[in-house]
C-alpha atoms as a PDB file:
ATOM      1  CA  UNK A   1     -12.738 -22.720   1.358  1.00  0.00           C
ATOM      2  CA  UNK A   2     -14.603 -21.159   4.411  1.00  0.00           C
ATOM      3  CA  UNK A   3     -12.807 -18.181   5.404  1.00  0.00           C
ATOM      4  CA  UNK A   4     -12.047 -18.815   9.068  1.00  0.00           C
ATOM      5  CA  UNK A   5     -10.193 -21.480   7.820  1.00  0.00           C
ATOM      6  CA  UNK A   6      -8.304 -19.854   5.287  1.00  0.00           C
ATOM      7  CA  UNK A   7      -7.900 -17.463   8.325  1.00  0.00           C
ATOM      8  CA  UNK A   8      -6.494 -19.983  10.873  1.00  0.00           C
ATOM      9  CA  UNK A   9      -4.294 -21.607   7.564  1.00  0.00           C
ATOM     10  CA  UNK A  10      -3.340 -17.825   7.163  1.00  0.00           C
ATOM     11  CA  UNK A  11      -2.261 -17.432  11.176  1.00  0.00           C
ATOM     12  CA  UNK A  12      -0.032 -21.053  11.173  1.00  0.00           C
ATOM     13  CA  UNK A  13       1.729 -19.621   7.934  1.00  0.00           C
ATOM     14  CA  UNK A  14       2.432 -16.430   9.939  1.00  0.00           C
ATOM     15  CA  UNK A  15       3.547 -18.075  13.063  1.00  0.00           C
ATOM     16  CA  UNK A  16       5.969 -20.875  10.711  1.00  0.00           C
ATOM     17  CA  UNK A  17       7.497 -17.213   9.389  1.00  0.00           C
ATOM     18  CA  UNK A  18       8.208 -16.091  12.616  1.00  0.00           C
ATOM     19  CA  UNK A  19      10.007 -19.400  13.725  1.00  0.00           C
ATOM     20  CA  UNK A  20      11.593 -19.060  10.325  1.00  0.00           C
ATOM     21  CA  UNK A  21      13.013 -14.766  10.690  1.00  0.00           C
ATOM     22  CA  UNK A  22      13.593 -15.735  14.392  1.00  0.00           C
ATOM     23  CA  UNK A  23      16.544 -18.224  13.375  1.00  0.00           C
ATOM     24  CA  UNK A  24      18.049 -17.045  10.294  1.00  0.00           C
ATOM     25  CA  UNK A  25      17.922 -13.650  11.917  1.00  0.00           C
ATOM     26  CA  UNK A  26      15.235 -11.462   9.902  1.00  0.00           C
ATOM     27  CA  UNK A  27      15.428  -8.309  11.437  1.00  0.00           C
ATOM     28  CA  UNK A  28      14.670  -4.960  11.403  1.00  0.00           C
ATOM     29  CA  UNK A  29      17.120  -2.839  13.368  1.00  0.00           C
ATOM     30  CA  UNK A  30      16.474   0.559  13.442  1.00  0.00           C
ATOM     31  CA  UNK A  31      18.490   4.215  11.703  1.00  0.00           C
ATOM     32  CA  UNK A  32      17.634   6.947  11.072  1.00  0.00           C
ATOM     33  CA  UNK A  33      14.623   7.028   8.877  1.00  0.00           C
ATOM     34  CA  UNK A  34      13.225   4.612  11.890  1.00  0.00           C
ATOM     35  CA  UNK A  35      10.495   5.249  13.806  1.00  0.00           C
ATOM     36  CA  UNK A  36      10.876   2.282  16.149  1.00  0.00           C
ATOM     37  CA  UNK A  37      13.508   2.000  19.199  1.00  0.00           C
ATOM     38  CA  UNK A  38      13.405  -1.798  18.789  1.00  0.00           C
ATOM     39  CA  UNK A  39      14.622  -4.692  17.243  1.00  0.00           C
ATOM     40  CA  UNK A  40      11.771  -6.043  15.521  1.00  0.00           C
ATOM     41  CA  UNK A  41      11.106  -9.126  13.246  1.00  0.00           C
ATOM     42  CA  UNK A  42      11.293  -7.881   9.520  1.00  0.00           C
ATOM     43  CA  UNK A  43       8.939  -9.091   6.443  1.00  0.00           C
ATOM     44  CA  UNK A  44       5.651 -10.145   8.264  1.00  0.00           C
ATOM     45  CA  UNK A  45       4.338  -8.542   5.509  1.00  0.00           C
ATOM     46  CA  UNK A  46       4.731 -11.735   3.391  1.00  0.00           C
ATOM     47  CA  UNK A  47       1.766 -12.982   4.674  1.00  0.00           C
ATOM     48  CA  UNK A  48       0.126 -10.694   1.815  1.00  0.00           C
ATOM     49  CA  UNK A  49       1.508 -13.561  -0.469  1.00  0.00           C
ATOM     50  CA  UNK A  50       0.358 -16.213   0.656  1.00  0.00           C
ATOM     51  CA  UNK A  51      -3.209 -14.986   1.105  1.00  0.00           C
ATOM     52  CA  UNK A  52      -2.991 -14.222  -3.159  1.00  0.00           C
ATOM     53  CA  UNK A  53      -1.245 -18.107  -3.352  1.00  0.00           C
ATOM     54  CA  UNK A  54      -4.199 -19.466  -1.660  1.00  0.00           C
ATOM     55  CA  UNK A  55      -6.632 -16.931  -3.490  1.00  0.00           C
ATOM     56  CA  UNK A  56      -4.353 -18.521  -7.209  1.00  0.00           C
ATOM     57  CA  UNK A  57      -5.002 -21.999  -6.252  1.00  0.00           C
ATOM     58  CA  UNK A  58      -8.259 -22.337  -4.846  1.00  0.00           C
ATOM     59  CA  UNK A  59     -10.088 -20.421  -7.975  1.00  0.00           C
ATOM     60  CA  UNK A  60      -8.087 -22.256 -10.583  1.00  0.00           C
ATOM     61  CA  UNK A  61      -5.276 -19.896 -10.997  1.00  0.00           C
ATOM     62  CA  UNK A  62      -7.397 -17.172 -12.464  1.00  0.00           C
ATOM     63  CA  UNK A  63      -5.029 -14.026 -12.934  1.00  0.00           C
ATOM     64  CA  UNK A  64      -1.816 -15.495 -14.017  1.00  0.00           C
ATOM     65  CA  UNK A  65       0.317 -13.425 -15.070  1.00  0.00           C
ATOM     66  CA  UNK A  66      -0.869 -10.986 -12.197  1.00  0.00           C
ATOM     67  CA  UNK A  67       0.391 -13.734  -9.795  1.00  0.00           C
ATOM     68  CA  UNK A  68       3.816 -14.325 -12.205  1.00  0.00           C
ATOM     69  CA  UNK A  69       4.769 -10.684 -11.080  1.00  0.00           C
ATOM     70  CA  UNK A  70       3.715 -10.591  -8.319  1.00  0.00           C
ATOM     71  CA  UNK A  71       5.555 -13.562  -7.138  1.00  0.00           C
ATOM     72  CA  UNK A  72       8.457 -11.407  -8.696  1.00  0.00           C
ATOM     73  CA  UNK A  73       8.304  -9.028  -7.461  1.00  0.00           C
ATOM     74  CA  UNK A  74       7.378 -10.387  -3.268  1.00  0.00           C
ATOM     75  CA  UNK A  75      10.138 -12.509  -3.947  1.00  0.00           C
ATOM     76  CA  UNK A  76      12.687  -9.950  -4.696  1.00  0.00           C
ATOM     77  CA  UNK A  77      11.577  -7.890  -2.015  1.00  0.00           C
ATOM     78  CA  UNK A  78      12.199 -10.010  -0.148  1.00  0.00           C
ATOM     79  CA  UNK A  79      15.495 -11.097  -1.275  1.00  0.00           C
ATOM     80  CA  UNK A  80      15.858  -6.918  -0.961  1.00  0.00           C
ATOM     81  CA  UNK A  81      15.264  -7.171   3.207  1.00  0.00           C
ATOM     82  CA  UNK A  82      17.805  -9.497   3.855  1.00  0.00           C
ATOM     83  CA  UNK A  83      20.685  -8.875   1.232  1.00  0.00           C
ATOM     84  CA  UNK A  84      19.825  -5.209  -0.073  1.00  0.00           C
ATOM     85  CA  UNK A  85      19.993  -5.227  -3.348  1.00  0.00           C
ATOM     86  CA  UNK A  86      20.998  -3.253  -6.255  1.00  0.00           C
ATOM     87  CA  UNK A  87      18.655  -0.568  -6.956  1.00  0.00           C
ATOM     88  CA  UNK A  88      19.091  -1.508 -10.822  1.00  0.00           C
ATOM     89  CA  UNK A  89      18.243  -4.939  -9.432  1.00  0.00           C
ATOM     90  CA  UNK A  90      15.174  -4.107  -8.348  1.00  0.00           C
ATOM     91  CA  UNK A  91      14.041  -1.972 -10.689  1.00  0.00           C
ATOM     92  CA  UNK A  92      14.144  -4.711 -13.208  1.00  0.00           C
ATOM     93  CA  UNK A  93      11.891  -6.685 -11.528  1.00  0.00           C
ATOM     94  CA  UNK A  94       9.396  -4.303 -10.543  1.00  0.00           C
ATOM     95  CA  UNK A  95       9.714  -2.994 -13.910  1.00  0.00           C
ATOM     96  CA  UNK A  96       8.771  -6.565 -14.962  1.00  0.00           C
ATOM     97  CA  UNK A  97       5.976  -6.937 -13.166  1.00  0.00           C
ATOM     98  CA  UNK A  98       4.227  -4.487 -13.176  1.00  0.00           C
ATOM     99  CA  UNK A  99       4.463  -5.198 -17.233  1.00  0.00           C
ATOM    100  CA  UNK A 100       2.825  -8.874 -16.623  1.00  0.00           C
ATOM    101  CA  UNK A 101       0.581  -7.027 -14.599  1.00  0.00           C
ATOM    102  CA  UNK A 102      -0.344  -4.913 -17.299  1.00  0.00           C
ATOM    103  CA  UNK A 103      -0.803  -7.888 -19.917  1.00  0.00           C
ATOM    104  CA  UNK A 104      -3.313  -9.172 -16.842  1.00  0.00           C
ATOM    105  CA  UNK A 105      -5.202  -6.508 -16.930  1.00  0.00           C
ATOM    106  CA  UNK A 106      -5.304  -5.971 -20.776  1.00  0.00           C
ATOM    107  CA  UNK A 107      -3.489  -2.140 -21.129  1.00  0.00           C
ATOM    108  CA  UNK A 108      -1.903  -3.528 -23.775  1.00  0.00           C
ATOM    109  CA  UNK A 109      -5.181  -3.447 -26.137  1.00  0.00           C
ATOM    110  CA  UNK A 110      -6.305   0.134 -25.233  1.00  0.00           C
ATOM    111  CA  UNK A 111      -3.894   3.222 -26.572  1.00  0.00           C
ATOM    112  CA  UNK A 112      -0.111   2.400 -26.748  1.00  0.00           C
ATOM    113  CA  UNK A 113       0.776   5.831 -25.570  1.00  0.00           C
ATOM    114  CA  UNK A 114      -0.833   4.745 -21.833  1.00  0.00           C
ATOM    115  CA  UNK A 115       1.801   2.251 -21.450  1.00  0.00           C
ATOM    116  CA  UNK A 116       4.355   4.882 -20.603  1.00  0.00           C
ATOM    117  CA  UNK A 117       2.498   7.314 -17.976  1.00  0.00           C
ATOM    118  CA  UNK A 118       0.629   4.034 -16.499  1.00  0.00           C
ATOM    119  CA  UNK A 119       4.032   2.205 -15.820  1.00  0.00           C
ATOM    120  CA  UNK A 120       5.813   5.242 -14.013  1.00  0.00           C
ATOM    121  CA  UNK A 121       2.479   5.386 -12.163  1.00  0.00           C
ATOM    122  CA  UNK A 122       2.535   1.919 -11.037  1.00  0.00           C
ATOM    123  CA  UNK A 123       6.346   1.521  -9.693  1.00  0.00           C
ATOM    124  CA  UNK A 124       5.313   4.985  -8.452  1.00  0.00           C
ATOM    125  CA  UNK A 125       2.642   4.119  -6.444  1.00  0.00           C
ATOM    126  CA  UNK A 126       4.445   1.011  -5.411  1.00  0.00           C
ATOM    127  CA  UNK A 127       7.401   2.661  -3.672  1.00  0.00           C
ATOM    128  CA  UNK A 128       5.279   5.611  -1.850  1.00  0.00           C
ATOM    129  CA  UNK A 129       3.630   2.434  -0.363  1.00  0.00           C
ATOM    130  CA  UNK A 130       7.191   1.238   0.297  1.00  0.00           C
ATOM    131  CA  UNK A 131       8.352   4.868   2.107  1.00  0.00           C
ATOM    132  CA  UNK A 132       5.291   5.125   3.707  1.00  0.00           C
ATOM    133  CA  UNK A 133       5.418   1.840   5.924  1.00  0.00           C
ATOM    134  CA  UNK A 134       7.077   3.871   8.654  1.00  0.00           C
ATOM    135  CA  UNK A 135       4.594   3.364  11.797  1.00  0.00           C
ATOM    136  CA  UNK A 136       3.092   0.413  13.821  1.00  0.00           C
ATOM    137  CA  UNK A 137      -0.824  -0.168  12.089  1.00  0.00           C
ATOM    138  CA  UNK A 138      -0.291   2.352   9.585  1.00  0.00           C
ATOM    139  CA  UNK A 139       0.106   0.653   6.058  1.00  0.00           C
ATOM    140  CA  UNK A 140      -2.673  -2.588   7.545  1.00  0.00           C
ATOM    141  CA  UNK A 141      -4.737   0.073   8.077  1.00  0.00           C
ATOM    142  CA  UNK A 142      -4.439   2.188   4.844  1.00  0.00           C
ATOM    143  CA  UNK A 143      -4.852  -0.778   2.901  1.00  0.00           C
ATOM    144  CA  UNK A 144      -7.947  -2.211   5.091  1.00  0.00           C
ATOM    145  CA  UNK A 145      -9.823   0.981   3.682  1.00  0.00           C
ATOM    146  CA  UNK A 146      -9.087   0.122   0.544  1.00  0.00           C
ATOM    147  CA  UNK A 147      -9.794  -3.006  -0.114  1.00  0.00           C
ATOM    148  CA  UNK A 148     -13.372  -2.698   1.988  1.00  0.00           C
ATOM    149  CA  UNK A 149     -13.646   0.689  -0.875  1.00  0.00           C
ATOM    150  CA  UNK A 150     -12.509  -2.452  -3.338  1.00  0.00           C
ATOM    151  CA  UNK A 151     -15.220  -4.785  -2.572  1.00  0.00           C
ATOM    152  CA  UNK A 152     -17.755  -1.799  -1.980  1.00  0.00           C
ATOM    153  CA  UNK A 153     -17.351  -1.400  -5.686  1.00  0.00           C
ATOM    154  CA  UNK A 154     -16.885  -4.904  -6.733  1.00  0.00           C
ATOM    155  CA  UNK A 155     -20.594  -5.283  -5.260  1.00  0.00           C
ATOM    156  CA  UNK A 156     -21.904  -3.081  -7.658  1.00  0.00           C
ATOM    157  CA  UNK A 157     -19.804  -3.393 -10.385  1.00  0.00           C
ATOM    158  CA  UNK A 158     -18.503  -7.247  -9.971  1.00  0.00           C
ATOM    159  CA  UNK A 159     -14.564  -5.919 -11.745  1.00  0.00           C
ATOM    160  CA  UNK A 160     -12.749  -8.873 -10.338  1.00  0.00           C
ATOM    161  CA  UNK A 161     -13.581 -12.911  -8.250  1.00  0.00           C
ATOM    162  CA  UNK A 162     -14.586 -11.164  -4.917  1.00  0.00           C
ATOM    163  CA  UNK A 163     -12.525 -13.777  -2.598  1.00  0.00           C
ATOM    164  CA  UNK A 164      -9.339 -12.283  -3.826  1.00  0.00           C
ATOM    165  CA  UNK A 165      -9.918  -9.243  -2.258  1.00  0.00           C
ATOM    166  CA  UNK A 166     -11.769 -11.170   0.828  1.00  0.00           C
ATOM    167  CA  UNK A 167      -8.454 -12.925   1.226  1.00  0.00           C
ATOM    168  CA  UNK A 168      -6.235 -10.515   0.872  1.00  0.00           C
ATOM    169  CA  UNK A 169      -8.358  -8.632   3.531  1.00  0.00           C
ATOM    170  CA  UNK A 170      -8.046 -11.909   5.878  1.00  0.00           C
ATOM    171  CA  UNK A 171      -4.106 -11.586   5.506  1.00  0.00           C
ATOM    172  CA  UNK A 172      -4.819  -8.148   6.945  1.00  0.00           C
ATOM    173  CA  UNK A 173      -6.586  -9.625   9.717  1.00  0.00           C
ATOM    174  CA  UNK A 174      -3.849 -12.199  10.044  1.00  0.00           C
ATOM    175  CA  UNK A 175      -0.831  -9.265   9.764  1.00  0.00           C
ATOM    176  CA  UNK A 176      -1.930  -6.793  11.948  1.00  0.00           C
ATOM    177  CA  UNK A 177      -3.348  -9.423  14.657  1.00  0.00           C
ATOM    178  CA  UNK A 178       0.678  -8.618  15.497  1.00  0.00           C
ATOM    179  CA  UNK A 179       1.640  -5.106  13.631  1.00  0.00           C
ATOM    180  CA  UNK A 180      -1.190  -3.353  15.493  1.00  0.00           C
ATOM    181  CA  UNK A 181       0.370  -2.805  18.971  1.00  0.00           C
ATOM    182  CA  UNK A 182       2.585   0.202  19.786  1.00  0.00           C
ATOM    183  CA  UNK A 183       4.707  -3.203  19.636  1.00  0.00           C
ATOM    184  CA  UNK A 184       4.726  -4.761  17.304  1.00  0.00           C
ATOM    185  CA  UNK A 185       5.618  -8.572  17.128  1.00  0.00           C
ATOM    186  CA  UNK A 186       6.302  -7.890  13.575  1.00  0.00           C
ATOM    187  CA  UNK A 187       6.917  -5.166  10.477  1.00  0.00           C
ATOM    188  CA  UNK A 188       5.783  -5.865   7.274  1.00  0.00           C
ATOM    189  CA  UNK A 189       9.545  -5.247   5.577  1.00  0.00           C
ATOM    190  CA  UNK A 190       9.664  -4.269   1.942  1.00  0.00           C
ATOM    191  CA  UNK A 191       8.559  -8.070   0.966  1.00  0.00           C
ATOM    192  CA  UNK A 192       4.996  -7.085   2.464  1.00  0.00           C
ATOM    193  CA  UNK A 193       4.292  -3.597   1.671  1.00  0.00           C
ATOM    194  CA  UNK A 194       5.308  -3.790  -1.724  1.00  0.00           C
ATOM    195  CA  UNK A 195       3.156  -7.172  -1.842  1.00  0.00           C
ATOM    196  CA  UNK A 196       0.263  -5.149  -0.798  1.00  0.00           C
ATOM    197  CA  UNK A 197       1.354  -2.488  -3.057  1.00  0.00           C
ATOM    198  CA  UNK A 198       0.995  -4.310  -6.083  1.00  0.00           C
ATOM    199  CA  UNK A 199      -2.124  -6.568  -4.762  1.00  0.00           C
ATOM    200  CA  UNK A 200      -3.919  -2.940  -4.533  1.00  0.00           C
ATOM    201  CA  UNK A 201      -3.024  -1.163  -7.414  1.00  0.00           C
ATOM    202  CA  UNK A 202      -3.973  -4.197  -9.973  1.00  0.00           C
ATOM    203  CA  UNK A 203      -7.954  -4.541  -7.834  1.00  0.00           C
ATOM    204  CA  UNK A 204      -7.979  -0.492  -9.016  1.00  0.00           C
ATOM    205  CA  UNK A 205      -6.523  -0.964 -12.450  1.00  0.00           C
ATOM    206  CA  UNK A 206      -9.278  -3.838 -12.891  1.00  0.00           C
ATOM    207  CA  UNK A 207     -11.864  -1.080 -11.300  1.00  0.00           C
ATOM    208  CA  UNK A 208     -10.759   1.728 -13.272  1.00  0.00           C
ATOM    209  CA  UNK A 209     -10.403  -0.028 -16.595  1.00  0.00           C
ATOM    210  CA  UNK A 210     -13.669  -1.604 -16.138  1.00  0.00           C
ATOM    211  CA  UNK A 211     -15.420   1.265 -15.358  1.00  0.00           C
ATOM    212  CA  UNK A 212     -13.248   4.161 -17.565  1.00  0.00           C
ATOM    213  CA  UNK A 213     -13.649   6.214 -14.417  1.00  0.00           C
ATOM    214  CA  UNK A 214      -9.976   7.579 -13.693  1.00  0.00           C
ATOM    215  CA  UNK A 215     -11.879   8.471 -10.195  1.00  0.00           C
ATOM    216  CA  UNK A 216     -10.994   5.740  -8.816  1.00  0.00           C
ATOM    217  CA  UNK A 217      -7.541   6.529  -8.575  1.00  0.00           C
ATOM    218  CA  UNK A 218      -8.523   8.814  -5.333  1.00  0.00           C
ATOM    219  CA  UNK A 219      -9.029   5.468  -2.831  1.00  0.00           C
ATOM    220  CA  UNK A 220      -5.145   6.091  -2.905  1.00  0.00           C
ATOM    221  CA  UNK A 221      -6.065  10.341  -1.583  1.00  0.00           C
ATOM    222  CA  UNK A 222      -4.260   9.782   1.336  1.00  0.00           C
ATOM    223  CA  UNK A 223      -0.665   8.023   0.990  1.00  0.00           C
ATOM    224  CA  UNK A 224      -1.100  10.251  -2.250  1.00  0.00           C
ATOM    225  CA  UNK A 225      -1.342  14.028  -0.773  1.00  0.00           C
ATOM    226  CA  UNK A 226       1.235  13.073   1.625  1.00  0.00           C
ATOM    227  CA  UNK A 227       4.332  10.948  -0.992  1.00  0.00           C
ATOM    228  CA  UNK A 228       3.836  13.654  -3.315  1.00  0.00           C
ATOM    229  CA  UNK A 229       3.661  17.138  -0.962  1.00  0.00           C
ATOM    230  CA  UNK A 230       6.286  15.284   1.059  1.00  0.00           C
ATOM    231  CA  UNK A 231       8.659  15.544  -1.946  1.00  0.00           C
ATOM    232  CA  UNK A 232       8.123  19.153  -3.231  1.00  0.00           C
ATOM    233  CA  UNK A 233       9.135  19.740   0.012  1.00  0.00           C
ATOM    234  CA  UNK A 234      12.240  18.150   0.046  1.00  0.00           C
ATOM    235  CA  UNK A 235      12.610  18.919  -3.395  1.00  0.00           C
ATOM    236  CA  UNK A 236      12.316  22.780  -2.555  1.00  0.00           C
ATOM    237  CA  UNK A 237      14.823  22.828   0.379  1.00  0.00           C
ATOM    238  CA  UNK A 238      17.240  21.094  -2.715  1.00  0.00           C
ATOM    239  CA  UNK A 239      17.584  17.356  -0.813  1.00  0.00           C
ATOM    240  CA  UNK A 240      18.340  13.910  -1.770  1.00  0.00           C
ATOM    241  CA  UNK A 241      14.314  13.076  -1.893  1.00  0.00           C
ATOM    242  CA  UNK A 242      15.977   9.518  -2.346  1.00  0.00           C
ATOM    243  CA  UNK A 243      17.801   9.411   0.986  1.00  0.00           C
ATOM    244  CA  UNK A 244      15.963   8.102   3.583  1.00  0.00           C
ATOM    245  CA  UNK A 245      14.125  10.640   5.827  1.00  0.00           C
ATOM    246  CA  UNK A 246      11.755  11.099   8.659  1.00  0.00           C
ATOM    247  CA  UNK A 247       9.778  14.385   7.221  1.00  0.00           C
ATOM    248  CA  UNK A 248       5.972  13.177   6.175  1.00  0.00           C
ATOM    249  CA  UNK A 249       3.115  13.950   8.033  1.00  0.00           C
ATOM    250  CA  UNK A 250       2.593  10.983  10.248  1.00  0.00           C
ATOM    251  CA  UNK A 251       6.745  11.558  11.142  1.00  0.00           C
ATOM    252  CA  UNK A 252       6.168  14.622  12.537  1.00  0.00           C
ATOM    253  CA  UNK A 253       2.719  13.436  14.574  1.00  0.00           C
ATOM    254  CA  UNK A 254       5.144  10.156  15.978  1.00  0.00           C
ATOM    255  CA  UNK A 255       8.485  11.694  16.202  1.00  0.00           C
ATOM    256  CA  UNK A 256       8.501  15.019  16.953  1.00  0.00           C
ATOM    257  CA  UNK A 257       4.472  15.580  18.034  1.00  0.00           C
ATOM    258  CA  UNK A 258       5.135  12.404  20.516  1.00  0.00           C
ATOM    259  CA  UNK A 259       0.871  11.167  19.053  1.00  0.00           C
ATOM    260  CA  UNK A 260      -0.385   8.033  20.050  1.00  0.00           C
ATOM    261  CA  UNK A 261       1.820   6.303  16.541  1.00  0.00           C
ATOM    262  CA  UNK A 262      -1.440   3.614  16.861  1.00  0.00           C
ATOM    263  CA  UNK A 263      -4.409   6.616  16.827  1.00  0.00           C
ATOM    264  CA  UNK A 264      -2.364   8.634  13.156  1.00  0.00           C
ATOM    265  CA  UNK A 265      -2.559   5.258  11.520  1.00  0.00           C
ATOM    266  CA  UNK A 266      -6.103   4.818  12.279  1.00  0.00           C
ATOM    267  CA  UNK A 267      -6.469   8.038  11.302  1.00  0.00           C
ATOM    268  CA  UNK A 268      -5.143   7.654   8.360  1.00  0.00           C
ATOM    269  CA  UNK A 269      -7.886   4.774   6.973  1.00  0.00           C
ATOM    270  CA  UNK A 270     -10.695   6.167   8.519  1.00  0.00           C
ATOM    271  CA  UNK A 271      -9.931   9.264   6.047  1.00  0.00           C
ATOM    272  CA  UNK A 272      -9.200   7.215   3.165  1.00  0.00           C
ATOM    273  CA  UNK A 273     -12.448   5.853   4.338  1.00  0.00           C
ATOM    274  CA  UNK A 274     -13.849   8.152   4.196  1.00  0.00           C
ATOM    275  CA  UNK A 275     -12.346   9.928   1.266  1.00  0.00           C
ATOM    276  CA  UNK A 276     -12.888   6.946  -0.632  1.00  0.00           C
ATOM    277  CA  UNK A 277     -16.855   6.752  -0.031  1.00  0.00           C
ATOM    278  CA  UNK A 278     -17.177   9.917  -1.068  1.00  0.00           C
ATOM    279  CA  UNK A 279     -15.985   8.698  -4.166  1.00  0.00           C
ATOM    280  CA  UNK A 280     -18.510   5.845  -4.799  1.00  0.00           C
ATOM    281  CA  UNK A 281     -21.031   7.968  -3.667  1.00  0.00           C
ATOM    282  CA  UNK A 282     -20.427  10.439  -6.109  1.00  0.00           C
ATOM    283  CA  UNK A 283     -19.777   7.696  -9.552  1.00  0.00           C
ATOM    284  CA  UNK A 284     -24.079   7.953  -9.889  1.00  0.00           C
ATOM    285  CA  UNK A 285     -23.426  11.351 -10.915  1.00  0.00           C
ATOM    286  CA  UNK A 286     -22.699  13.098 -13.839  1.00  0.00           C
ATOM    287  CA  UNK A 287     -18.515  13.497 -15.180  1.00  0.00           C
ATOM    288  CA  UNK A 288     -18.741  16.883 -14.728  1.00  0.00           C
ATOM    289  CA  UNK A 289     -19.550  16.526 -11.118  1.00  0.00           C
ATOM    290  CA  UNK A 290     -17.169  13.534 -10.535  1.00  0.00           C
ATOM    291  CA  UNK A 291     -14.397  15.332 -12.040  1.00  0.00           C
ATOM    292  CA  UNK A 292     -15.424  18.687  -9.551  1.00  0.00           C
ATOM    293  CA  UNK A 293     -15.695  16.970  -6.971  1.00  0.00           C
ATOM    294  CA  UNK A 294     -12.465  14.694  -7.398  1.00  0.00           C
ATOM    295  CA  UNK A 295     -11.111  17.823  -7.808  1.00  0.00           C
ATOM    296  CA  UNK A 296     -12.246  19.468  -4.508  1.00  0.00           C
ATOM    297  CA  UNK A 297     -11.039  16.393  -2.181  1.00  0.00           C
ATOM    298  CA  UNK A 298      -7.684  16.873  -3.520  1.00  0.00           C
ATOM    299  CA  UNK A 299      -7.730  20.753  -3.313  1.00  0.00           C
ATOM    300  CA  UNK A 300      -9.392  19.987  -0.062  1.00  0.00           C
ATOM    301  CA  UNK A 301      -7.665  17.700   2.063  1.00  0.00           C
ATOM    302  CA  UNK A 302      -4.740  19.087   0.198  1.00  0.00           C
ATOM    303  CA  UNK A 303      -4.777  22.099   2.104  1.00  0.00           C
ATOM    304  CA  UNK A 304      -5.840  20.399   5.086  1.00  0.00           C
ATOM    305  CA  UNK A 305      -2.394  18.378   5.012  1.00  0.00           C
ATOM    306  CA  UNK A 306      -0.514  21.603   4.271  1.00  0.00           C
ATOM    307  CA  UNK A 307      -2.023  23.582   7.603  1.00  0.00           C
ATOM    308  CA  UNK A 308      -1.274  20.910   9.618  1.00  0.00           C
ATOM    309  CA  UNK A 309       2.355  20.120   7.853  1.00  0.00           C
ATOM    310  CA  UNK A 310       3.051  24.151   8.517  1.00  0.00           C
ATOM    311  CA  UNK A 311       2.018  24.001  11.832  1.00  0.00           C
ATOM    312  CA  UNK A 312       3.634  21.317  13.475  1.00  0.00           C
ATOM    313  CA  UNK A 313       7.503  22.710  11.327  1.00  0.00           C
ATOM    314  CA  UNK A 314       6.436  26.199  12.769  1.00  0.00           C
ATOM    315  CA  UNK A 315       5.833  24.593  16.156  1.00  0.00           C
ATOM    316  CA  UNK A 316       9.089  22.091  16.750  1.00  0.00           C
ATOM    317  CA  UNK A 317      11.411  23.999  14.097  1.00  0.00           C
ATOM    318  CA  UNK A 318      12.048  21.770  11.723  1.00  0.00           C
END
């Protein structure tokens, strides 16, 4: 199907959802974790699912187990946006969905010891993606960066039907049109951040398995560093890491430093794009150089992160 037509269809679906959300009061009220101060429509990120649904239908129902898992995790996340479900129910669906994804990518055909490690890693990434969704534009900026990197990699390696990447990019553009604003029309909600995270993890997993190159996990470097180093700091302060907070680097810049939030989101996305391009470039070299470059990326950007955060903590007595 023509990409322009799909883009128009996705816009129509998003507008229909806005009417439903407005009618049934599906809104996001500011709380102690929020970086916004006004009530905004929640769940606009459901458009990511519809982008995948259109692909699924017009591709002849490719990747059925992945799509079944995506549907389950999207539905439970949407319900959680509305009712706030128990952690046990939510985690059980996440677990089931990720196992369906593993079956789709063929992970069960590899060494069984990889399963628990991959399970913890994937569920961690999905939840980190959700926690990082705290200011306008950050989810769509980061997601577009990763999807562009995956599209570039797919041109070189052909690890997946390209349309699933392109349709997801189109859904990001639709969501970004309403979210990448100083006063957003809608927020992604758990349904959006979890759904796009699931799609991204699926694509990266396919790429890693096809190439046998774990370095592609660095397509998640920016979110990964902010999440892991924030958790380490909170643990050092003996804080409950499962409680709501506003101590990510981007939140310090947005809230305490009063920096432009769209600029912050753009920098996060562009930085991830830069790192990913370096990773892709380094794949042409031997394994030793790839390992050295990957470690260098983590160390260099980790030190930059710590330096920036230390200065903000010192400046604002955090």
